[in-house]
N, C-alpha and C. Protein backbone atom coordinates (compact mmCIF):
# COMPACT_ATOMS: atom_id res chain seq x y z
N MET A 1 -101.61 -77.53 -164.06
CA MET A 1 -100.60 -76.84 -164.84
C MET A 1 -99.19 -77.17 -164.37
N ALA A 2 -99.08 -77.72 -163.19
CA ALA A 2 -97.76 -78.02 -162.70
C ALA A 2 -97.07 -79.06 -163.56
N GLU A 3 -97.85 -79.93 -164.22
CA GLU A 3 -97.23 -80.98 -165.07
C GLU A 3 -96.79 -80.42 -166.41
N ALA A 4 -97.21 -79.23 -166.79
CA ALA A 4 -96.83 -78.66 -168.06
C ALA A 4 -95.35 -78.29 -168.06
N GLY A 5 -94.62 -78.84 -169.01
CA GLY A 5 -93.21 -78.54 -169.11
C GLY A 5 -92.96 -77.15 -169.67
N ARG A 6 -93.94 -76.63 -170.41
CA ARG A 6 -93.80 -75.31 -171.01
C ARG A 6 -95.10 -74.55 -170.89
N LEU A 7 -95.00 -73.29 -170.51
CA LEU A 7 -96.17 -72.44 -170.31
C LEU A 7 -96.09 -71.27 -171.27
N LEU A 8 -97.13 -71.10 -172.10
CA LEU A 8 -97.23 -70.02 -173.06
C LEU A 8 -98.37 -69.12 -172.67
N SER A 9 -98.30 -67.86 -173.08
CA SER A 9 -99.34 -66.92 -172.75
C SER A 9 -99.49 -65.81 -173.81
N SER A 10 -100.71 -65.32 -173.92
CA SER A 10 -100.91 -64.06 -174.61
C SER A 10 -100.21 -62.97 -173.81
N PRO A 11 -99.74 -61.91 -174.43
CA PRO A 11 -99.13 -60.82 -173.66
C PRO A 11 -100.15 -59.86 -173.03
N LEU A 12 -101.45 -60.05 -173.27
CA LEU A 12 -102.42 -59.14 -172.67
C LEU A 12 -102.48 -59.41 -171.16
N PRO A 13 -102.77 -58.34 -170.39
CA PRO A 13 -102.66 -58.42 -168.92
C PRO A 13 -103.36 -59.61 -168.28
N ARG A 14 -104.61 -59.87 -168.60
CA ARG A 14 -105.36 -60.94 -167.94
C ARG A 14 -104.70 -62.27 -168.15
N ALA A 15 -104.31 -62.59 -169.36
CA ALA A 15 -103.65 -63.88 -169.62
C ALA A 15 -102.26 -63.94 -169.00
N ARG A 16 -101.51 -62.85 -169.06
CA ARG A 16 -100.17 -62.83 -168.51
C ARG A 16 -100.25 -62.98 -166.97
N GLU A 17 -101.17 -62.31 -166.32
CA GLU A 17 -101.33 -62.46 -164.88
C GLU A 17 -101.72 -63.86 -164.49
N THR A 18 -102.56 -64.50 -165.28
CA THR A 18 -102.91 -65.89 -165.02
C THR A 18 -101.67 -66.77 -165.14
N ALA A 19 -100.89 -66.55 -166.18
CA ALA A 19 -99.67 -67.34 -166.37
C ALA A 19 -98.73 -67.15 -165.21
N GLU A 20 -98.59 -65.92 -164.71
CA GLU A 20 -97.72 -65.65 -163.57
C GLU A 20 -98.17 -66.48 -162.37
N LEU A 21 -99.49 -66.57 -162.12
CA LEU A 21 -100.00 -67.33 -161.00
C LEU A 21 -99.72 -68.82 -161.18
N LEU A 22 -99.92 -69.33 -162.38
CA LEU A 22 -99.74 -70.74 -162.65
C LEU A 22 -98.28 -71.15 -162.72
N ALA A 23 -97.42 -70.23 -163.11
CA ALA A 23 -96.01 -70.56 -163.30
C ALA A 23 -95.29 -70.84 -161.99
N LEU A 24 -95.81 -70.31 -160.89
CA LEU A 24 -95.17 -70.52 -159.59
C LEU A 24 -93.70 -70.18 -159.61
N GLY A 25 -93.36 -69.07 -160.22
CA GLY A 25 -91.97 -68.60 -160.28
C GLY A 25 -91.17 -69.11 -161.46
N ARG A 26 -91.72 -70.11 -162.18
CA ARG A 26 -90.99 -70.61 -163.36
C ARG A 26 -91.14 -69.62 -164.48
N PRO A 27 -90.22 -69.62 -165.43
CA PRO A 27 -90.35 -68.73 -166.58
C PRO A 27 -91.48 -69.21 -167.50
N PHE A 28 -92.08 -68.29 -168.22
CA PHE A 28 -93.07 -68.62 -169.24
C PHE A 28 -92.89 -67.69 -170.39
N GLU A 29 -93.44 -68.02 -171.51
CA GLU A 29 -93.28 -67.24 -172.74
C GLU A 29 -94.57 -66.55 -173.12
N THR A 30 -94.44 -65.29 -173.53
CA THR A 30 -95.61 -64.60 -174.08
C THR A 30 -95.39 -64.44 -175.61
N ASP A 31 -96.52 -64.52 -176.30
CA ASP A 31 -96.44 -64.41 -177.76
C ASP A 31 -97.70 -63.73 -178.27
N PRO A 32 -97.59 -62.66 -179.03
CA PRO A 32 -98.77 -61.93 -179.52
C PRO A 32 -99.64 -62.78 -180.45
N VAL A 33 -99.16 -63.90 -180.95
CA VAL A 33 -100.00 -64.74 -181.81
C VAL A 33 -101.20 -65.28 -181.01
N PHE A 34 -101.11 -65.29 -179.68
CA PHE A 34 -102.19 -65.84 -178.83
C PHE A 34 -103.19 -64.79 -178.35
N VAL A 35 -103.04 -63.54 -178.79
CA VAL A 35 -103.95 -62.46 -178.39
C VAL A 35 -105.39 -62.74 -178.87
N GLU A 36 -106.36 -62.34 -178.06
CA GLU A 36 -107.77 -62.57 -178.42
C GLU A 36 -108.12 -61.93 -179.77
N ALA A 37 -109.01 -62.59 -180.49
CA ALA A 37 -109.55 -62.02 -181.72
C ALA A 37 -110.30 -60.72 -181.38
N PRO A 38 -110.24 -59.71 -182.24
CA PRO A 38 -110.83 -58.42 -181.91
C PRO A 38 -112.36 -58.48 -181.72
N LEU A 39 -112.86 -57.54 -181.02
CA LEU A 39 -114.30 -57.42 -180.81
C LEU A 39 -114.73 -56.00 -181.13
N PRO A 40 -114.75 -55.63 -182.41
CA PRO A 40 -115.15 -54.28 -182.77
C PRO A 40 -116.65 -54.07 -182.59
N ALA A 41 -116.99 -52.99 -181.94
CA ALA A 41 -118.41 -52.70 -181.64
C ALA A 41 -119.01 -51.83 -182.75
N PRO A 42 -120.13 -52.30 -183.33
CA PRO A 42 -120.80 -51.44 -184.31
C PRO A 42 -121.28 -50.14 -183.65
N HIS A 43 -121.20 -49.07 -184.37
CA HIS A 43 -121.64 -47.77 -183.81
C HIS A 43 -123.12 -47.56 -184.11
N ILE A 44 -123.94 -47.76 -183.07
CA ILE A 44 -125.38 -47.56 -183.15
C ILE A 44 -125.76 -46.67 -181.95
N PRO A 45 -125.60 -45.32 -182.07
CA PRO A 45 -125.74 -44.45 -180.91
C PRO A 45 -127.11 -44.45 -180.27
N TRP A 46 -128.15 -44.75 -181.00
CA TRP A 46 -129.50 -44.71 -180.46
C TRP A 46 -129.89 -45.99 -179.72
N LEU A 47 -129.07 -47.05 -179.84
CA LEU A 47 -129.39 -48.32 -179.24
C LEU A 47 -128.76 -48.44 -177.85
N ARG A 48 -129.62 -48.57 -176.86
CA ARG A 48 -129.16 -48.80 -175.47
C ARG A 48 -129.36 -50.28 -175.16
N ALA A 49 -128.30 -50.93 -174.76
CA ALA A 49 -128.42 -52.37 -174.51
C ALA A 49 -127.39 -52.81 -173.46
N SER A 50 -127.54 -54.01 -172.96
CA SER A 50 -126.63 -54.57 -171.94
C SER A 50 -125.28 -54.91 -172.59
N PRO A 51 -124.25 -54.99 -171.75
CA PRO A 51 -122.93 -55.40 -172.28
C PRO A 51 -122.96 -56.77 -172.97
N SER A 52 -123.75 -57.69 -172.43
CA SER A 52 -123.80 -59.01 -173.06
C SER A 52 -124.42 -58.93 -174.48
N PHE A 53 -125.42 -58.06 -174.64
CA PHE A 53 -126.02 -57.87 -175.97
C PHE A 53 -124.97 -57.32 -176.93
N TRP A 54 -124.20 -56.30 -176.48
CA TRP A 54 -123.17 -55.70 -177.32
C TRP A 54 -122.08 -56.73 -177.67
N TRP A 55 -121.76 -57.62 -176.71
CA TRP A 55 -120.75 -58.64 -176.98
C TRP A 55 -121.24 -59.54 -178.10
N VAL A 56 -122.48 -60.01 -177.99
CA VAL A 56 -123.03 -60.90 -179.02
C VAL A 56 -123.13 -60.19 -180.37
N LEU A 57 -123.66 -58.97 -180.38
CA LEU A 57 -123.78 -58.22 -181.60
C LEU A 57 -122.43 -57.96 -182.24
N SER A 58 -121.45 -57.59 -181.45
CA SER A 58 -120.11 -57.33 -181.98
C SER A 58 -119.47 -58.59 -182.54
N ARG A 59 -119.59 -59.67 -181.83
CA ARG A 59 -118.98 -60.93 -182.30
C ARG A 59 -119.66 -61.41 -183.56
N VAL A 60 -120.99 -61.36 -183.62
CA VAL A 60 -121.74 -61.82 -184.83
C VAL A 60 -121.41 -60.96 -186.02
N THR A 61 -121.38 -59.64 -185.85
CA THR A 61 -121.07 -58.78 -187.00
C THR A 61 -119.62 -58.97 -187.46
N TRP A 62 -118.69 -59.19 -186.51
CA TRP A 62 -117.30 -59.46 -186.88
C TRP A 62 -117.24 -60.79 -187.64
N TRP A 63 -117.95 -61.83 -187.13
CA TRP A 63 -117.92 -63.13 -187.78
C TRP A 63 -118.49 -63.05 -189.22
N CYS A 64 -119.42 -62.14 -189.41
CA CYS A 64 -120.03 -61.99 -190.74
C CYS A 64 -119.20 -61.08 -191.65
N GLY A 65 -118.10 -60.50 -191.16
CA GLY A 65 -117.21 -59.74 -192.03
C GLY A 65 -117.06 -58.26 -191.71
N LEU A 66 -117.72 -57.76 -190.69
CA LEU A 66 -117.61 -56.35 -190.35
C LEU A 66 -116.50 -56.15 -189.32
N ALA A 67 -115.32 -55.90 -189.76
CA ALA A 67 -114.16 -55.76 -188.87
C ALA A 67 -113.94 -54.34 -188.40
N MET A 68 -114.48 -53.36 -189.09
CA MET A 68 -114.40 -51.94 -188.74
C MET A 68 -112.95 -51.52 -188.44
N GLY A 69 -112.04 -51.90 -189.29
CA GLY A 69 -110.65 -51.49 -189.15
C GLY A 69 -109.80 -52.40 -188.25
N ALA A 70 -110.45 -53.33 -187.54
CA ALA A 70 -109.70 -54.29 -186.72
C ALA A 70 -109.29 -55.49 -187.56
N GLU A 71 -108.60 -56.41 -186.95
CA GLU A 71 -108.20 -57.65 -187.63
C GLU A 71 -109.48 -58.35 -188.15
N SER A 72 -109.48 -58.76 -189.37
CA SER A 72 -110.63 -59.45 -189.96
C SER A 72 -110.69 -60.88 -189.50
N ARG A 73 -111.86 -61.47 -189.72
CA ARG A 73 -112.03 -62.89 -189.37
C ARG A 73 -111.06 -63.78 -190.17
N PRO A 74 -110.90 -63.61 -191.48
CA PRO A 74 -109.92 -64.44 -192.22
C PRO A 74 -108.49 -64.26 -191.68
N ASP A 75 -108.14 -63.03 -191.34
CA ASP A 75 -106.80 -62.79 -190.76
C ASP A 75 -106.65 -63.46 -189.40
N ALA A 76 -107.68 -63.41 -188.57
CA ALA A 76 -107.64 -64.07 -187.25
C ALA A 76 -107.60 -65.59 -187.43
N GLU A 77 -108.29 -66.11 -188.42
CA GLU A 77 -108.24 -67.55 -188.67
C GLU A 77 -106.84 -67.98 -189.12
N ALA A 78 -106.19 -67.16 -189.93
CA ALA A 78 -104.82 -67.44 -190.35
C ALA A 78 -103.90 -67.42 -189.12
N ARG A 79 -104.13 -66.45 -188.24
CA ARG A 79 -103.32 -66.36 -187.03
C ARG A 79 -103.59 -67.56 -186.14
N ALA A 80 -104.82 -68.04 -186.07
CA ALA A 80 -105.16 -69.26 -185.28
C ALA A 80 -104.40 -70.47 -185.83
N ARG A 81 -104.25 -70.54 -187.15
CA ARG A 81 -103.47 -71.66 -187.73
C ARG A 81 -102.00 -71.59 -187.29
N THR A 82 -101.49 -70.34 -187.28
CA THR A 82 -100.10 -70.13 -186.82
C THR A 82 -99.98 -70.51 -185.36
N ALA A 83 -100.93 -70.06 -184.54
CA ALA A 83 -100.92 -70.35 -183.11
C ALA A 83 -101.00 -71.86 -182.85
N ALA A 84 -101.87 -72.55 -183.57
CA ALA A 84 -102.00 -74.01 -183.43
C ALA A 84 -100.69 -74.69 -183.77
N GLY A 85 -100.02 -74.20 -184.80
CA GLY A 85 -98.72 -74.74 -185.18
C GLY A 85 -97.70 -74.57 -184.11
N ARG A 86 -97.70 -73.40 -183.47
CA ARG A 86 -96.74 -73.17 -182.38
C ARG A 86 -97.04 -74.07 -181.18
N LEU A 87 -98.31 -74.25 -180.86
CA LEU A 87 -98.67 -75.15 -179.75
C LEU A 87 -98.27 -76.58 -180.09
N ALA A 88 -98.62 -77.04 -181.27
CA ALA A 88 -98.28 -78.41 -181.66
C ALA A 88 -96.77 -78.62 -181.63
N GLY A 89 -96.03 -77.63 -182.12
CA GLY A 89 -94.59 -77.74 -182.09
C GLY A 89 -94.03 -77.81 -180.68
N ALA A 90 -94.58 -76.99 -179.80
CA ALA A 90 -94.15 -76.97 -178.41
C ALA A 90 -94.50 -78.30 -177.75
N ALA A 91 -95.64 -78.88 -178.13
CA ALA A 91 -96.07 -80.15 -177.53
C ALA A 91 -95.22 -81.34 -177.94
N GLU A 92 -94.44 -81.19 -179.00
CA GLU A 92 -93.55 -82.31 -179.41
C GLU A 92 -92.53 -82.61 -178.31
N ALA A 93 -92.20 -81.61 -177.48
CA ALA A 93 -91.20 -81.77 -176.43
C ALA A 93 -91.87 -82.14 -175.10
N GLY A 94 -93.18 -82.18 -175.02
CA GLY A 94 -93.85 -82.53 -173.78
C GLY A 94 -95.13 -81.72 -173.62
N THR A 95 -95.70 -81.75 -172.43
CA THR A 95 -96.96 -81.07 -172.18
C THR A 95 -96.76 -79.57 -172.17
N VAL A 96 -97.68 -78.88 -172.79
CA VAL A 96 -97.62 -77.43 -172.88
C VAL A 96 -98.98 -76.86 -172.43
N ALA A 97 -98.96 -75.74 -171.76
CA ALA A 97 -100.20 -75.05 -171.34
C ALA A 97 -100.19 -73.67 -171.96
N LEU A 98 -101.39 -73.21 -172.34
CA LEU A 98 -101.55 -71.88 -172.90
C LEU A 98 -102.54 -71.09 -172.06
N CYS A 99 -102.15 -69.91 -171.62
CA CYS A 99 -103.06 -68.97 -170.98
C CYS A 99 -103.45 -67.95 -172.05
N GLY A 100 -104.69 -68.06 -172.52
CA GLY A 100 -105.10 -67.21 -173.59
C GLY A 100 -106.49 -66.67 -173.37
N HIS A 101 -107.26 -66.55 -174.40
CA HIS A 101 -108.56 -65.92 -174.36
C HIS A 101 -109.61 -66.77 -175.02
N GLY A 102 -110.79 -66.79 -174.47
CA GLY A 102 -111.85 -67.72 -174.84
C GLY A 102 -112.14 -67.86 -176.33
N TRP A 103 -112.49 -66.79 -177.00
CA TRP A 103 -112.91 -66.88 -178.39
C TRP A 103 -111.74 -67.38 -179.23
N PHE A 104 -110.58 -66.79 -179.05
CA PHE A 104 -109.43 -67.18 -179.88
C PHE A 104 -108.98 -68.63 -179.55
N ASN A 105 -109.08 -69.00 -178.28
CA ASN A 105 -108.75 -70.37 -177.94
C ASN A 105 -109.67 -71.37 -178.67
N ARG A 106 -110.95 -71.01 -178.82
CA ARG A 106 -111.88 -71.88 -179.58
C ARG A 106 -111.42 -71.94 -181.03
N MET A 107 -110.99 -70.82 -181.60
CA MET A 107 -110.51 -70.82 -182.98
C MET A 107 -109.28 -71.72 -183.11
N ILE A 108 -108.36 -71.67 -182.16
CA ILE A 108 -107.20 -72.53 -182.16
C ILE A 108 -107.62 -73.99 -182.06
N GLY A 109 -108.60 -74.26 -181.18
CA GLY A 109 -109.08 -75.63 -180.97
C GLY A 109 -109.64 -76.24 -182.26
N ARG A 110 -110.37 -75.44 -183.05
CA ARG A 110 -110.88 -75.96 -184.31
C ARG A 110 -109.76 -76.37 -185.23
N VAL A 111 -108.71 -75.59 -185.28
CA VAL A 111 -107.54 -75.93 -186.11
C VAL A 111 -106.88 -77.20 -185.60
N LEU A 112 -106.69 -77.29 -184.29
CA LEU A 112 -106.04 -78.49 -183.74
C LEU A 112 -106.85 -79.73 -184.03
N ARG A 113 -108.19 -79.66 -183.92
CA ARG A 113 -109.01 -80.82 -184.22
C ARG A 113 -108.88 -81.23 -185.69
N ARG A 114 -108.83 -80.23 -186.59
CA ARG A 114 -108.61 -80.56 -188.00
C ARG A 114 -107.28 -81.20 -188.25
N GLN A 115 -106.31 -80.92 -187.39
CA GLN A 115 -104.95 -81.47 -187.53
C GLN A 115 -104.78 -82.82 -186.82
N GLY A 116 -105.89 -83.36 -186.31
CA GLY A 116 -105.82 -84.68 -185.68
C GLY A 116 -105.74 -84.72 -184.18
N TRP A 117 -105.87 -83.56 -183.51
CA TRP A 117 -105.88 -83.53 -182.06
C TRP A 117 -107.29 -83.79 -181.60
N ILE A 118 -107.45 -84.34 -180.37
CA ILE A 118 -108.80 -84.56 -179.82
C ILE A 118 -108.88 -83.82 -178.48
N CYS A 119 -110.06 -83.28 -178.21
CA CYS A 119 -110.28 -82.60 -176.94
C CYS A 119 -110.63 -83.68 -175.93
N VAL A 120 -109.76 -83.88 -174.96
CA VAL A 120 -109.92 -84.91 -173.95
C VAL A 120 -110.53 -84.40 -172.66
N ALA A 121 -110.59 -83.08 -172.52
CA ALA A 121 -111.24 -82.43 -171.35
C ALA A 121 -111.75 -81.09 -171.77
N ASP A 122 -113.05 -80.87 -171.60
CA ASP A 122 -113.67 -79.62 -171.99
C ASP A 122 -114.30 -78.98 -170.77
N GLY A 123 -113.71 -77.94 -170.27
CA GLY A 123 -114.18 -77.24 -169.09
C GLY A 123 -115.21 -76.15 -169.39
N GLY A 124 -115.65 -76.04 -170.62
CA GLY A 124 -116.63 -75.03 -170.99
C GLY A 124 -116.05 -73.66 -171.22
N ASP A 125 -116.89 -72.65 -171.10
CA ASP A 125 -116.50 -71.29 -171.44
C ASP A 125 -116.47 -70.30 -170.29
N ALA A 126 -116.61 -70.77 -169.06
CA ALA A 126 -116.56 -69.86 -167.92
C ALA A 126 -115.14 -69.37 -167.71
N TYR A 127 -115.00 -68.32 -166.92
CA TYR A 127 -113.67 -67.83 -166.55
C TYR A 127 -112.91 -68.96 -165.87
N TRP A 128 -111.61 -69.02 -166.07
CA TRP A 128 -110.74 -70.01 -165.48
C TRP A 128 -111.04 -71.43 -166.00
N SER A 129 -111.76 -71.54 -167.11
CA SER A 129 -112.01 -72.86 -167.67
C SER A 129 -110.84 -73.30 -168.53
N LEU A 130 -110.83 -74.58 -168.85
CA LEU A 130 -109.74 -75.07 -169.66
C LEU A 130 -110.23 -76.13 -170.61
N ARG A 131 -109.44 -76.33 -171.63
CA ARG A 131 -109.65 -77.45 -172.54
C ARG A 131 -108.30 -78.12 -172.71
N ARG A 132 -108.34 -79.45 -172.75
CA ARG A 132 -107.10 -80.22 -172.88
C ARG A 132 -107.17 -81.01 -174.17
N TYR A 133 -106.12 -80.93 -174.98
CA TYR A 133 -106.04 -81.64 -176.21
C TYR A 133 -104.91 -82.64 -176.18
N ALA A 134 -105.10 -83.74 -176.90
CA ALA A 134 -104.09 -84.76 -177.04
C ALA A 134 -104.00 -85.15 -178.50
N LYS A 135 -102.82 -85.50 -178.95
CA LYS A 135 -102.67 -85.95 -180.34
C LYS A 135 -103.34 -87.28 -180.49
N ARG A 136 -104.16 -87.42 -181.51
CA ARG A 136 -104.86 -88.69 -181.82
C ARG A 136 -103.82 -89.72 -182.10
N PRO A 137 -103.91 -90.91 -181.47
CA PRO A 137 -102.91 -91.96 -181.74
C PRO A 137 -102.96 -92.38 -183.20
N GLN A 138 -101.81 -92.68 -183.74
CA GLN A 138 -101.72 -93.17 -185.12
C GLN A 138 -102.21 -94.61 -185.17
N SER A 139 -102.96 -94.94 -186.17
CA SER A 139 -103.46 -96.33 -186.28
C SER A 139 -102.65 -97.16 -187.23
């Protein structure tokens, strides 16, 4: 991250704290467009399950259209397009790094790939993982 000329972050605590660690005292920008897509939990009081089960159930039901008053999938996809545009615009001036959240970062990545970016490094989905994108060279 030291080579990044610009550091962007979601304003949520986990992402902001990561940005503070990576910034090494340099300023960075927070923007709510980079906040994680919501994870509304279906209310099933009789079902006892592990947190990972609830995560999967919540994400699948949200993906299928059950937003339960939270941001809908189409709205989150529109926000991902906006976020990708901001990243691409920032990258015109040099390398940019984003401290964000896994699911929404994947949504942004899909938009970037559709816009001609390629994933040149994929660190997977573990905590502290990263993905690096580069603009596909013009032929």
